[in-house]
Every structure is written in structure tokens, then in C-alpha cells.
């Protein structure tokens, strides 16, 4: 008798899972592949919006490498993390050497940045870029908000994201900054 009850519960769960899947994939007559395509389109809009924002904020020419998909956790020693909330959940992370962030700050403000000024500038740089992204993406009908910047120093590992892209930006006579777009 216990096996029959277990079989009935499993059948009931399977039916509920099927109904939920069916609801989300047929809502608006969208297939699973269309939902994935829409998600990829949004990720590309976020990436392009981020790059446009960097061009508007940082007055230094840069070369970008081809975006790479990140499948595992990644490590960094210095960077800034901005949370993304709203229609899309995720994080925007900028990593690089402190000297690179200092050089960008010096070129933007005409003076070297040390210690607390470097940390403050790095957070504000991430905030300005993420704010520009938020404005750009909202013009396409996607509503996002950003969180306050978090500075990361020392041996740090980031995990727990569903999908991620990495783009390395080489700033002329300055250094490289890795840009990560993490989708939860």
C-alpha cells in the first residue's frame, strides 16, 4: 500500500510540474526556445548598454576582446560589484589592478588617487557606468535598478550565478579591466 500512495504522490507532482512548465512556456504563445532567445537578447542588451556607458563615462580609448562565457566561479584581487535588480536580477563586476583604476582616475580627474580616494573612485566609477546602463536599458522597456557599489579587495571568489559573460577591455596606456555581467 505505501508504494501505491508514493506512486500517486509522484504522479501528482509530475502533473503539477507539467502544468507550471506549460503555463510559463505557452503564456503569450512562447516556446521554451523563444524564452531562451528572449533571455539571450536581454543579456546582449545589457552587455551593449554597459559598453556604451563605459564609452560615455571613461574618456580613454579602449579595445575590447571578444566576450567569453563564464561557466565556473572566478577569482579577483581588486574590483567593484554593482547589483542589478528589477526585471533582471544579476551583478555587474569590474576587476583589474588597482594601478589601472588609479590611471583611469588620474586621466579623468588630473590627479593620482591613493588609498581611500582610490577605493571611493573605483566605487563611483562602477556606479556611473551602472547608472548609464540603467538609463540606456530603460529606453528599451526593461526596468532595472542598481545597488550601491561594493569594493572587493584581496583574494575573492564569486560564485552562484546562472549565466555570465566576461569582456576584457584594454585601455590605451592604462591597463586592462575585466567586465563581468552575471545573471542570477
N, C-alpha and C. Protein backbone atom coordinates (compact mmCIF):
# COMPACT_ATOMS: atom_id res chain seq x y z
N UNK A 1 0.80 -1.20 0.00
CA UNK A 1 0.00 0.00 0.00
C UNK A 1 0.85 1.28 0.00
N UNK A 2 1.95 1.33 0.78
CA UNK A 2 2.75 2.55 0.78
C UNK A 2 3.30 2.87 -0.61
N UNK A 3 3.64 1.86 -1.41
CA UNK A 3 4.16 2.11 -2.76
C UNK A 3 3.11 2.74 -3.65
N UNK A 4 1.85 2.30 -3.52
CA UNK A 4 0.77 2.88 -4.31
C UNK A 4 0.57 4.34 -3.95
N UNK A 5 0.64 4.67 -2.67
CA UNK A 5 0.48 6.06 -2.22
C UNK A 5 1.64 6.91 -2.74
N UNK A 6 2.86 6.35 -2.70
CA UNK A 6 4.03 7.07 -3.20
C UNK A 6 3.90 7.32 -4.70
N UNK A 7 3.48 6.31 -5.45
CA UNK A 7 3.28 6.45 -6.89
C UNK A 7 2.26 7.54 -7.19
N UNK A 8 1.19 7.58 -6.42
CA UNK A 8 0.15 8.58 -6.64
C UNK A 8 0.67 10.00 -6.37
N UNK A 9 1.49 10.15 -5.29
CA UNK A 9 2.07 11.47 -5.00
C UNK A 9 3.03 11.90 -6.10
N UNK A 10 3.85 10.98 -6.60
CA UNK A 10 4.79 11.30 -7.67
C UNK A 10 4.04 11.70 -8.94
N UNK A 11 2.96 11.00 -9.24
CA UNK A 11 2.15 11.33 -10.41
C UNK A 11 1.56 12.72 -10.25
N UNK A 12 1.09 13.04 -9.06
CA UNK A 12 0.50 14.35 -8.77
C UNK A 12 1.54 15.46 -8.94
N UNK A 13 2.76 15.24 -8.43
CA UNK A 13 3.84 16.22 -8.57
C UNK A 13 4.20 16.40 -10.03
N UNK A 14 4.30 15.31 -10.78
CA UNK A 14 4.64 15.39 -12.20
C UNK A 14 3.60 16.19 -12.98
N UNK A 15 2.33 15.98 -12.65
CA UNK A 15 1.27 16.73 -13.33
C UNK A 15 1.39 18.21 -13.01
N UNK A 16 1.65 18.56 -11.74
CA UNK A 16 1.78 19.97 -11.37
C UNK A 16 2.98 20.61 -12.07
N UNK A 17 4.11 19.91 -12.13
CA UNK A 17 5.29 20.44 -12.82
C UNK A 17 4.97 20.67 -14.29
N UNK A 18 4.30 19.72 -14.93
CA UNK A 18 3.92 19.86 -16.33
C UNK A 18 3.03 21.09 -16.52
N UNK A 19 2.05 21.28 -15.65
CA UNK A 19 1.13 22.42 -15.76
C UNK A 19 1.89 23.73 -15.61
N UNK A 20 2.79 23.82 -14.63
CA UNK A 20 3.58 25.05 -14.43
C UNK A 20 4.46 25.31 -15.64
N UNK A 21 5.18 24.28 -16.14
CA UNK A 21 6.00 24.46 -17.33
C UNK A 21 5.17 24.92 -18.51
N UNK A 22 4.04 24.28 -18.69
CA UNK A 22 3.15 24.61 -19.80
C UNK A 22 2.67 26.06 -19.70
N UNK A 23 2.34 26.48 -18.49
CA UNK A 23 1.86 27.85 -18.28
C UNK A 23 2.93 28.87 -18.68
N UNK A 24 4.15 28.66 -18.20
CA UNK A 24 5.19 29.64 -18.47
C UNK A 24 5.68 29.62 -19.91
N UNK A 25 5.66 28.47 -20.56
CA UNK A 25 6.15 28.42 -21.93
C UNK A 25 5.08 28.77 -22.95
N UNK A 26 3.81 28.61 -22.60
CA UNK A 26 2.76 28.93 -23.57
C UNK A 26 2.13 30.28 -23.30
N UNK A 27 2.45 30.86 -22.17
CA UNK A 27 1.92 32.19 -21.86
C UNK A 27 2.39 33.13 -22.96
N UNK A 28 1.49 33.75 -23.65
CA UNK A 28 1.86 34.60 -24.77
C UNK A 28 2.33 33.78 -25.96
N UNK A 29 2.00 32.48 -25.96
CA UNK A 29 2.35 31.56 -27.06
C UNK A 29 3.85 31.54 -27.34
N UNK A 30 4.65 31.48 -26.27
CA UNK A 30 6.10 31.43 -26.42
C UNK A 30 6.60 30.04 -26.07
N UNK A 31 7.47 29.52 -26.89
CA UNK A 31 8.05 28.21 -26.64
C UNK A 31 9.25 28.37 -25.71
N UNK A 32 9.77 27.24 -25.23
CA UNK A 32 10.96 27.25 -24.38
C UNK A 32 12.12 27.92 -25.12
N UNK A 33 12.29 27.61 -26.41
CA UNK A 33 13.39 28.20 -27.17
C UNK A 33 13.20 29.71 -27.33
N UNK A 34 11.95 30.18 -27.44
CA UNK A 34 11.72 31.62 -27.52
C UNK A 34 12.06 32.30 -26.20
N UNK A 35 11.72 31.66 -25.09
CA UNK A 35 12.06 32.23 -23.78
C UNK A 35 13.57 32.35 -23.65
N UNK A 36 14.32 31.31 -24.07
CA UNK A 36 15.78 31.36 -24.01
C UNK A 36 16.33 32.42 -24.95
N UNK A 37 15.74 32.55 -26.13
CA UNK A 37 16.17 33.57 -27.09
C UNK A 37 15.94 34.96 -26.52
N UNK A 38 14.79 35.17 -25.89
CA UNK A 38 14.50 36.46 -25.27
C UNK A 38 15.50 36.77 -24.17
N UNK A 39 15.83 35.77 -23.37
CA UNK A 39 16.80 35.96 -22.28
C UNK A 39 18.17 36.32 -22.85
N UNK A 40 18.60 35.63 -23.90
CA UNK A 40 19.88 35.95 -24.53
C UNK A 40 19.87 37.36 -25.11
N UNK A 41 18.75 37.76 -25.67
CA UNK A 41 18.62 39.11 -26.22
C UNK A 41 18.78 40.16 -25.12
N UNK A 42 18.19 39.91 -23.97
CA UNK A 42 18.31 40.84 -22.85
C UNK A 42 19.75 40.90 -22.36
N UNK A 43 20.43 39.75 -22.29
CA UNK A 43 21.83 39.72 -21.86
C UNK A 43 22.68 40.55 -22.82
N UNK A 44 22.43 40.41 -24.12
CA UNK A 44 23.19 41.20 -25.10
C UNK A 44 22.88 42.69 -24.98
N UNK A 45 21.61 43.03 -24.69
CA UNK A 45 21.26 44.44 -24.47
C UNK A 45 22.01 44.98 -23.25
N UNK A 46 22.10 44.18 -22.20
CA UNK A 46 22.84 44.60 -21.00
C UNK A 46 24.32 44.79 -21.32
N UNK A 47 24.89 43.86 -22.05
CA UNK A 47 26.31 43.96 -22.39
C UNK A 47 26.57 45.18 -23.26
N UNK A 48 25.77 45.37 -24.30
CA UNK A 48 25.95 46.53 -25.18
C UNK A 48 25.70 47.83 -24.43
N UNK A 49 24.71 47.85 -23.54
CA UNK A 49 24.44 49.03 -22.72
C UNK A 49 25.61 49.36 -21.80
N UNK A 50 26.23 48.32 -21.26
CA UNK A 50 27.40 48.51 -20.39
C UNK A 50 28.56 49.11 -21.18
N UNK A 51 28.82 48.56 -22.36
CA UNK A 51 29.92 49.08 -23.19
C UNK A 51 29.65 50.52 -23.63
N UNK A 52 28.42 50.83 -23.99
CA UNK A 52 28.07 52.22 -24.34
C UNK A 52 28.30 53.14 -23.15
N UNK A 53 27.91 52.70 -21.98
CA UNK A 53 28.08 53.50 -20.78
C UNK A 53 29.56 53.74 -20.48
N UNK A 54 30.39 52.71 -20.65
CA UNK A 54 31.83 52.87 -20.43
C UNK A 54 32.39 53.91 -21.41
N UNK A 55 31.95 53.84 -22.66
CA UNK A 55 32.42 54.83 -23.66
C UNK A 55 32.03 56.25 -23.25
N UNK A 56 30.85 56.42 -22.65
CA UNK A 56 30.39 57.74 -22.23
C UNK A 56 31.06 58.23 -20.95
N UNK A 57 31.44 57.33 -20.08
CA UNK A 57 31.99 57.71 -18.77
C UNK A 57 33.50 57.85 -18.79
N UNK A 58 34.19 56.92 -19.41
CA UNK A 58 35.66 56.89 -19.36
C UNK A 58 36.22 57.52 -20.63
N UNK A 59 36.98 58.62 -20.47
CA UNK A 59 37.50 59.33 -21.66
C UNK A 59 38.80 58.74 -22.21
N UNK A 60 38.89 57.42 -22.25
CA UNK A 60 40.09 56.75 -22.74
C UNK A 60 39.66 55.73 -23.79
N UNK A 61 40.35 55.73 -24.91
CA UNK A 61 40.06 54.74 -25.94
C UNK A 61 40.37 53.35 -25.40
N UNK A 62 39.56 52.38 -25.81
CA UNK A 62 39.82 51.01 -25.38
C UNK A 62 39.52 50.04 -26.50
N UNK A 63 40.18 48.91 -26.41
CA UNK A 63 39.94 47.78 -27.31
C UNK A 63 39.25 46.72 -26.48
N UNK A 64 38.22 46.13 -27.05
CA UNK A 64 37.57 45.06 -26.29
C UNK A 64 37.82 43.73 -26.95
N UNK A 65 38.03 42.76 -26.09
CA UNK A 65 38.19 41.40 -26.58
C UNK A 65 36.82 40.79 -26.74
N UNK A 66 36.77 39.71 -27.46
CA UNK A 66 35.51 39.01 -27.70
C UNK A 66 34.93 38.53 -26.36
N UNK A 67 33.63 38.73 -26.15
CA UNK A 67 33.00 38.26 -24.91
C UNK A 67 33.17 36.76 -24.75
N UNK A 68 33.44 36.34 -23.50
CA UNK A 68 33.58 34.92 -23.20
C UNK A 68 32.51 34.54 -22.18
N UNK A 69 32.01 33.36 -22.35
CA UNK A 69 31.04 32.83 -21.39
C UNK A 69 31.81 32.30 -20.18
N UNK A 70 31.36 32.65 -19.00
CA UNK A 70 31.97 32.18 -17.76
C UNK A 70 31.09 31.06 -17.22
N UNK A 71 31.68 29.89 -17.03
CA UNK A 71 30.88 28.75 -16.59
C UNK A 71 31.16 28.37 -15.14
N UNK A 72 32.26 28.82 -14.59
CA UNK A 72 32.62 28.49 -13.22
C UNK A 72 32.78 29.78 -12.41
N UNK A 73 33.10 29.61 -11.15
CA UNK A 73 33.39 30.79 -10.35
C UNK A 73 34.64 31.46 -10.91
N UNK A 74 34.86 32.70 -10.52
CA UNK A 74 36.08 33.37 -10.95
C UNK A 74 36.68 34.12 -9.76
N UNK A 75 37.96 34.39 -9.87
CA UNK A 75 38.72 35.00 -8.78
C UNK A 75 39.17 36.39 -9.18
N UNK A 76 39.31 37.24 -8.17
CA UNK A 76 39.81 38.58 -8.41
C UNK A 76 40.54 39.06 -7.17
N UNK A 77 41.35 40.09 -7.36
CA UNK A 77 42.07 40.70 -6.24
C UNK A 77 41.62 42.12 -5.97
N UNK A 78 41.04 42.77 -6.98
CA UNK A 78 40.53 44.13 -6.79
C UNK A 78 39.40 44.37 -7.78
N UNK A 79 38.32 44.96 -7.30
CA UNK A 79 37.21 45.25 -8.21
C UNK A 79 36.04 45.89 -7.51
N UNK A 80 35.01 46.14 -8.29
CA UNK A 80 33.78 46.74 -7.76
C UNK A 80 32.61 45.93 -8.30
N UNK A 81 31.62 45.70 -7.43
CA UNK A 81 30.42 44.94 -7.78
C UNK A 81 29.21 45.85 -7.60
N UNK A 82 28.34 45.87 -8.61
CA UNK A 82 27.08 46.61 -8.55
C UNK A 82 25.98 45.59 -8.78
N UNK A 83 25.02 45.53 -7.88
CA UNK A 83 23.88 44.63 -8.04
C UNK A 83 22.87 45.21 -9.01
N UNK A 84 22.20 44.34 -9.75
CA UNK A 84 21.15 44.72 -10.69
C UNK A 84 19.85 44.08 -10.20
N UNK A 85 18.83 44.89 -10.01
CA UNK A 85 17.53 44.39 -9.57
C UNK A 85 16.46 44.88 -10.53
N UNK A 86 15.26 44.39 -10.39
CA UNK A 86 14.15 44.80 -11.25
C UNK A 86 13.76 43.67 -12.18
N UNK A 87 13.55 44.00 -13.47
CA UNK A 87 13.16 42.99 -14.45
C UNK A 87 14.22 41.92 -14.63
N UNK A 88 15.47 42.28 -14.35
CA UNK A 88 16.60 41.35 -14.48
C UNK A 88 17.34 41.36 -13.14
N UNK A 89 17.72 40.20 -12.68
CA UNK A 89 18.49 40.06 -11.44
C UNK A 89 19.91 39.65 -11.78
N UNK A 90 20.88 40.37 -11.25
CA UNK A 90 22.26 39.99 -11.52
C UNK A 90 23.24 40.95 -10.89
N UNK A 91 24.44 40.95 -11.44
CA UNK A 91 25.52 41.79 -10.94
C UNK A 91 26.38 42.24 -12.10
N UNK A 92 26.95 43.41 -11.95
CA UNK A 92 27.93 43.95 -12.88
C UNK A 92 29.21 44.09 -12.08
N UNK A 93 30.29 43.47 -12.56
CA UNK A 93 31.55 43.47 -11.81
C UNK A 93 32.67 43.97 -12.71
N UNK A 94 33.46 44.89 -12.17
CA UNK A 94 34.64 45.40 -12.88
C UNK A 94 35.85 45.02 -12.04
N UNK A 95 36.82 44.32 -12.67
CA UNK A 95 38.02 43.91 -11.95
C UNK A 95 39.26 44.36 -12.70
N UNK A 96 40.34 44.51 -11.97
CA UNK A 96 41.61 44.88 -12.57
C UNK A 96 42.61 45.18 -11.47
N UNK A 97 43.76 45.63 -11.87
CA UNK A 97 44.78 46.01 -10.90
C UNK A 97 44.46 47.40 -10.34
N UNK A 98 44.73 47.63 -9.06
CA UNK A 98 44.49 48.97 -8.50
C UNK A 98 45.19 50.07 -9.30
N UNK A 99 46.37 49.78 -9.83
CA UNK A 99 47.10 50.77 -10.62
C UNK A 99 46.32 51.16 -11.87
N UNK A 100 45.57 50.23 -12.43
CA UNK A 100 44.75 50.53 -13.61
C UNK A 100 43.61 51.47 -13.25
N UNK A 101 42.92 51.17 -12.15
CA UNK A 101 41.85 52.05 -11.69
C UNK A 101 42.42 53.44 -11.35
N UNK A 102 43.62 53.48 -10.75
CA UNK A 102 44.27 54.75 -10.44
C UNK A 102 44.56 55.54 -11.71
N UNK A 103 45.07 54.86 -12.74
CA UNK A 103 45.38 55.53 -14.01
C UNK A 103 44.13 56.09 -14.67
N UNK A 104 43.03 55.33 -14.62
CA UNK A 104 41.77 55.83 -15.18
C UNK A 104 41.33 57.06 -14.41
N UNK A 105 41.39 57.01 -13.08
CA UNK A 105 41.01 58.16 -12.26
C UNK A 105 41.88 59.37 -12.52
N UNK A 106 43.18 59.14 -12.67
CA UNK A 106 44.11 60.24 -12.93
C UNK A 106 43.80 60.90 -14.28
N UNK A 107 43.47 60.08 -15.28
CA UNK A 107 43.14 60.64 -16.60
C UNK A 107 41.80 61.36 -16.57
N UNK A 108 40.88 60.92 -15.71
CA UNK A 108 39.57 61.57 -15.64
C UNK A 108 39.61 62.86 -14.81
N UNK A 109 40.43 62.86 -13.75
CA UNK A 109 40.40 63.99 -12.80
C UNK A 109 41.71 64.75 -12.69
N UNK A 110 42.75 64.31 -13.41
CA UNK A 110 44.00 65.05 -13.44
C UNK A 110 44.86 64.94 -12.19
N UNK A 111 44.60 63.97 -11.35
CA UNK A 111 45.44 63.80 -10.16
C UNK A 111 45.47 62.32 -9.76
N UNK A 112 46.57 61.88 -9.18
CA UNK A 112 46.65 60.48 -8.75
C UNK A 112 45.72 60.22 -7.56
N UNK A 113 45.25 59.01 -7.47
CA UNK A 113 44.35 58.62 -6.39
C UNK A 113 45.02 57.54 -5.54
N UNK A 114 45.05 57.74 -4.26
CA UNK A 114 45.68 56.78 -3.37
C UNK A 114 44.73 56.37 -2.26
N UNK A 115 44.95 55.19 -1.75
CA UNK A 115 44.26 54.65 -0.59
C UNK A 115 42.74 54.84 -0.66
N UNK A 116 42.18 55.58 0.28
CA UNK A 116 40.73 55.76 0.36
C UNK A 116 40.16 56.45 -0.87
N UNK A 117 40.92 57.38 -1.46
CA UNK A 117 40.45 58.07 -2.67
C UNK A 117 40.31 57.06 -3.83
N UNK A 118 41.23 56.12 -3.91
CA UNK A 118 41.18 55.11 -4.96
C UNK A 118 39.96 54.21 -4.77
N UNK A 119 39.70 53.80 -3.53
CA UNK A 119 38.54 52.97 -3.25
C UNK A 119 37.25 53.72 -3.57
N UNK A 120 37.18 54.97 -3.15
CA UNK A 120 35.99 55.79 -3.41
C UNK A 120 35.78 55.98 -4.91
N UNK A 121 36.86 56.30 -5.62
CA UNK A 121 36.76 56.50 -7.06
C UNK A 121 36.31 55.21 -7.76
N UNK A 122 36.89 54.08 -7.38
CA UNK A 122 36.55 52.81 -8.03
C UNK A 122 35.07 52.50 -7.87
N UNK A 123 34.54 52.72 -6.66
CA UNK A 123 33.12 52.52 -6.43
C UNK A 123 32.28 53.48 -7.25
N UNK A 124 32.70 54.73 -7.31
CA UNK A 124 31.94 55.72 -8.07
C UNK A 124 32.02 55.46 -9.57
N UNK A 125 33.15 54.98 -10.05
CA UNK A 125 33.28 54.62 -11.46
C UNK A 125 32.28 53.52 -11.81
N UNK A 126 32.23 52.48 -10.98
CA UNK A 126 31.25 51.41 -11.20
C UNK A 126 29.84 51.94 -11.14
N UNK A 127 29.57 52.85 -10.20
CA UNK A 127 28.24 53.44 -10.05
C UNK A 127 27.84 54.26 -11.28
N UNK A 128 28.78 55.05 -11.82
CA UNK A 128 28.48 55.86 -13.00
C UNK A 128 28.19 54.98 -14.22
N UNK A 129 28.99 53.92 -14.39
CA UNK A 129 28.79 53.02 -15.52
C UNK A 129 27.46 52.29 -15.38
N UNK A 130 27.18 51.75 -14.19
CA UNK A 130 25.92 51.03 -13.98
C UNK A 130 24.72 51.97 -14.10
N UNK A 131 24.86 53.22 -13.65
CA UNK A 131 23.78 54.19 -13.80
C UNK A 131 23.49 54.49 -15.26
N UNK A 132 24.55 54.62 -16.07
CA UNK A 132 24.38 54.81 -17.50
C UNK A 132 23.71 53.62 -18.15
N UNK A 133 24.10 52.41 -17.71
CA UNK A 133 23.47 51.19 -18.21
C UNK A 133 21.98 51.20 -17.88
N UNK A 134 21.65 51.54 -16.66
CA UNK A 134 20.25 51.56 -16.23
C UNK A 134 19.42 52.51 -17.09
N UNK A 135 19.97 53.66 -17.38
CA UNK A 135 19.27 54.64 -18.23
C UNK A 135 19.10 54.11 -19.65
N UNK A 136 20.16 53.55 -20.21
CA UNK A 136 20.11 53.03 -21.58
C UNK A 136 19.12 51.89 -21.72
N UNK A 137 19.18 50.94 -20.80
CA UNK A 137 18.32 49.76 -20.91
C UNK A 137 16.86 50.11 -20.68
N UNK A 138 16.59 51.14 -19.87
CA UNK A 138 15.19 51.53 -19.63
C UNK A 138 14.56 52.10 -20.90
N UNK A 139 15.35 52.63 -21.80
CA UNK A 139 14.83 53.15 -23.06
C UNK A 139 14.30 52.03 -23.94
N UNK A 140 14.72 50.79 -23.65
CA UNK A 140 14.25 49.62 -24.40
C UNK A 140 13.09 48.94 -23.69
N UNK A 141 12.61 49.55 -22.61
CA UNK A 141 11.46 49.00 -21.90
C UNK A 141 11.78 48.02 -20.79
N UNK A 142 13.05 47.83 -20.49
CA UNK A 142 13.45 46.95 -19.40
C UNK A 142 13.77 47.80 -18.19
N UNK A 143 13.09 47.55 -17.09
CA UNK A 143 13.30 48.33 -15.88
C UNK A 143 14.29 47.63 -14.97
N UNK A 144 15.40 48.32 -14.68
CA UNK A 144 16.36 47.79 -13.73
C UNK A 144 16.74 48.91 -12.77
N UNK A 145 17.16 48.50 -11.60
CA UNK A 145 17.72 49.41 -10.60
C UNK A 145 19.09 48.87 -10.24
N UNK A 146 19.91 49.73 -9.67
CA UNK A 146 21.24 49.29 -9.27
C UNK A 146 21.41 49.49 -7.77
N UNK A 147 22.28 48.66 -7.20
CA UNK A 147 22.58 48.78 -5.78
C UNK A 147 23.81 49.66 -5.59
N UNK A 148 24.10 49.98 -4.36
CA UNK A 148 25.33 50.72 -4.05
C UNK A 148 26.52 49.84 -4.40
N UNK A 149 27.64 50.46 -4.79
CA UNK A 149 28.82 49.68 -5.16
C UNK A 149 29.45 48.99 -3.95
N UNK A 150 29.99 47.82 -4.19
CA UNK A 150 30.75 47.08 -3.19
C UNK A 150 32.16 46.92 -3.71
N UNK A 151 33.13 47.41 -2.95
CA UNK A 151 34.54 47.27 -3.32
C UNK A 151 35.03 45.92 -2.82
N UNK A 152 35.73 45.20 -3.69
CA UNK A 152 36.29 43.90 -3.32
C UNK A 152 37.80 43.97 -3.41
N UNK A 153 38.47 43.57 -2.32
CA UNK A 153 39.93 43.57 -2.26
C UNK A 153 40.41 42.25 -1.70
N UNK A 154 41.58 41.85 -2.11
CA UNK A 154 42.13 40.60 -1.61
C UNK A 154 41.66 39.44 -2.45
N UNK A 155 42.03 38.25 -2.05
CA UNK A 155 41.68 37.05 -2.81
C UNK A 155 40.18 36.78 -2.67
N UNK A 156 39.42 37.12 -3.71
CA UNK A 156 37.96 37.00 -3.69
C UNK A 156 37.51 36.06 -4.79
N UNK A 157 36.51 35.24 -4.48
CA UNK A 157 35.94 34.33 -5.45
C UNK A 157 34.44 34.60 -5.55
N UNK A 158 33.92 34.71 -6.77
CA UNK A 158 32.49 34.92 -6.98
C UNK A 158 31.86 33.68 -7.60
N UNK A 159 30.75 33.24 -6.99
CA UNK A 159 30.03 32.06 -7.45
C UNK A 159 28.54 32.34 -7.35
N UNK A 160 27.73 31.37 -7.76
CA UNK A 160 26.29 31.45 -7.53
C UNK A 160 25.51 32.18 -8.60
N UNK A 161 26.03 32.28 -9.78
CA UNK A 161 25.31 32.93 -10.87
C UNK A 161 24.86 31.88 -11.87
N UNK A 162 23.78 32.19 -12.57
CA UNK A 162 23.22 31.26 -13.54
C UNK A 162 23.92 31.36 -14.89
N UNK A 163 24.20 32.58 -15.30
CA UNK A 163 24.78 32.85 -16.62
C UNK A 163 25.74 34.02 -16.45
N UNK A 164 26.88 33.99 -17.14
CA UNK A 164 27.84 35.08 -17.01
C UNK A 164 28.63 35.27 -18.30
N UNK A 165 28.95 36.54 -18.56
CA UNK A 165 29.82 36.90 -19.67
C UNK A 165 30.97 37.73 -19.13
N UNK A 166 32.14 37.57 -19.74
CA UNK A 166 33.31 38.36 -19.39
C UNK A 166 33.81 39.05 -20.64
N UNK A 167 34.09 40.33 -20.52
CA UNK A 167 34.69 41.09 -21.62
C UNK A 167 35.89 41.82 -21.04
N UNK A 168 37.06 41.61 -21.63
CA UNK A 168 38.26 42.32 -21.20
C UNK A 168 38.41 43.57 -22.05
N UNK A 169 38.59 44.69 -21.37
CA UNK A 169 38.78 45.98 -22.04
C UNK A 169 40.21 46.43 -21.82
N UNK A 170 40.92 46.68 -22.92
CA UNK A 170 42.28 47.18 -22.84
C UNK A 170 42.28 48.68 -23.08
N UNK A 171 42.48 49.45 -22.00
CA UNK A 171 42.50 50.92 -22.10
C UNK A 171 43.89 51.38 -22.52
N UNK A 172 43.95 52.25 -23.52
CA UNK A 172 45.21 52.73 -24.09
C UNK A 172 46.11 53.31 -23.01
N UNK A 173 47.35 52.83 -22.94
CA UNK A 173 48.37 53.31 -22.00
C UNK A 173 47.91 53.29 -20.54
N UNK A 174 46.99 52.42 -20.22
CA UNK A 174 46.42 52.41 -18.87
C UNK A 174 46.42 51.01 -18.26
N UNK A 175 45.89 50.04 -18.96
CA UNK A 175 45.82 48.68 -18.44
C UNK A 175 44.50 48.04 -18.82
N UNK A 176 44.26 46.87 -18.27
CA UNK A 176 43.03 46.11 -18.60
C UNK A 176 42.06 46.11 -17.44
N UNK A 177 40.78 46.16 -17.81
CA UNK A 177 39.69 46.00 -16.85
C UNK A 177 38.80 44.89 -17.37
N UNK A 178 38.55 43.90 -16.54
CA UNK A 178 37.63 42.82 -16.91
C UNK A 178 36.23 43.21 -16.46
N UNK A 179 35.30 43.10 -17.37
CA UNK A 179 33.90 43.42 -17.08
C UNK A 179 33.12 42.12 -17.10
N UNK A 180 32.42 41.85 -16.00
CA UNK A 180 31.61 40.64 -15.89
C UNK A 180 30.15 41.03 -15.75
N UNK A 181 29.33 40.38 -16.51
CA UNK A 181 27.88 40.52 -16.39
C UNK A 181 27.35 39.19 -15.89
N UNK A 182 26.88 39.16 -14.66
CA UNK A 182 26.40 37.94 -14.03
C UNK A 182 24.89 38.00 -13.92
N UNK A 183 24.21 36.99 -14.43
CA UNK A 183 22.75 36.91 -14.36
C UNK A 183 22.39 35.83 -13.36
N UNK A 184 21.55 36.18 -12.40
CA UNK A 184 21.13 35.22 -11.36
C UNK A 184 20.00 34.35 -11.87
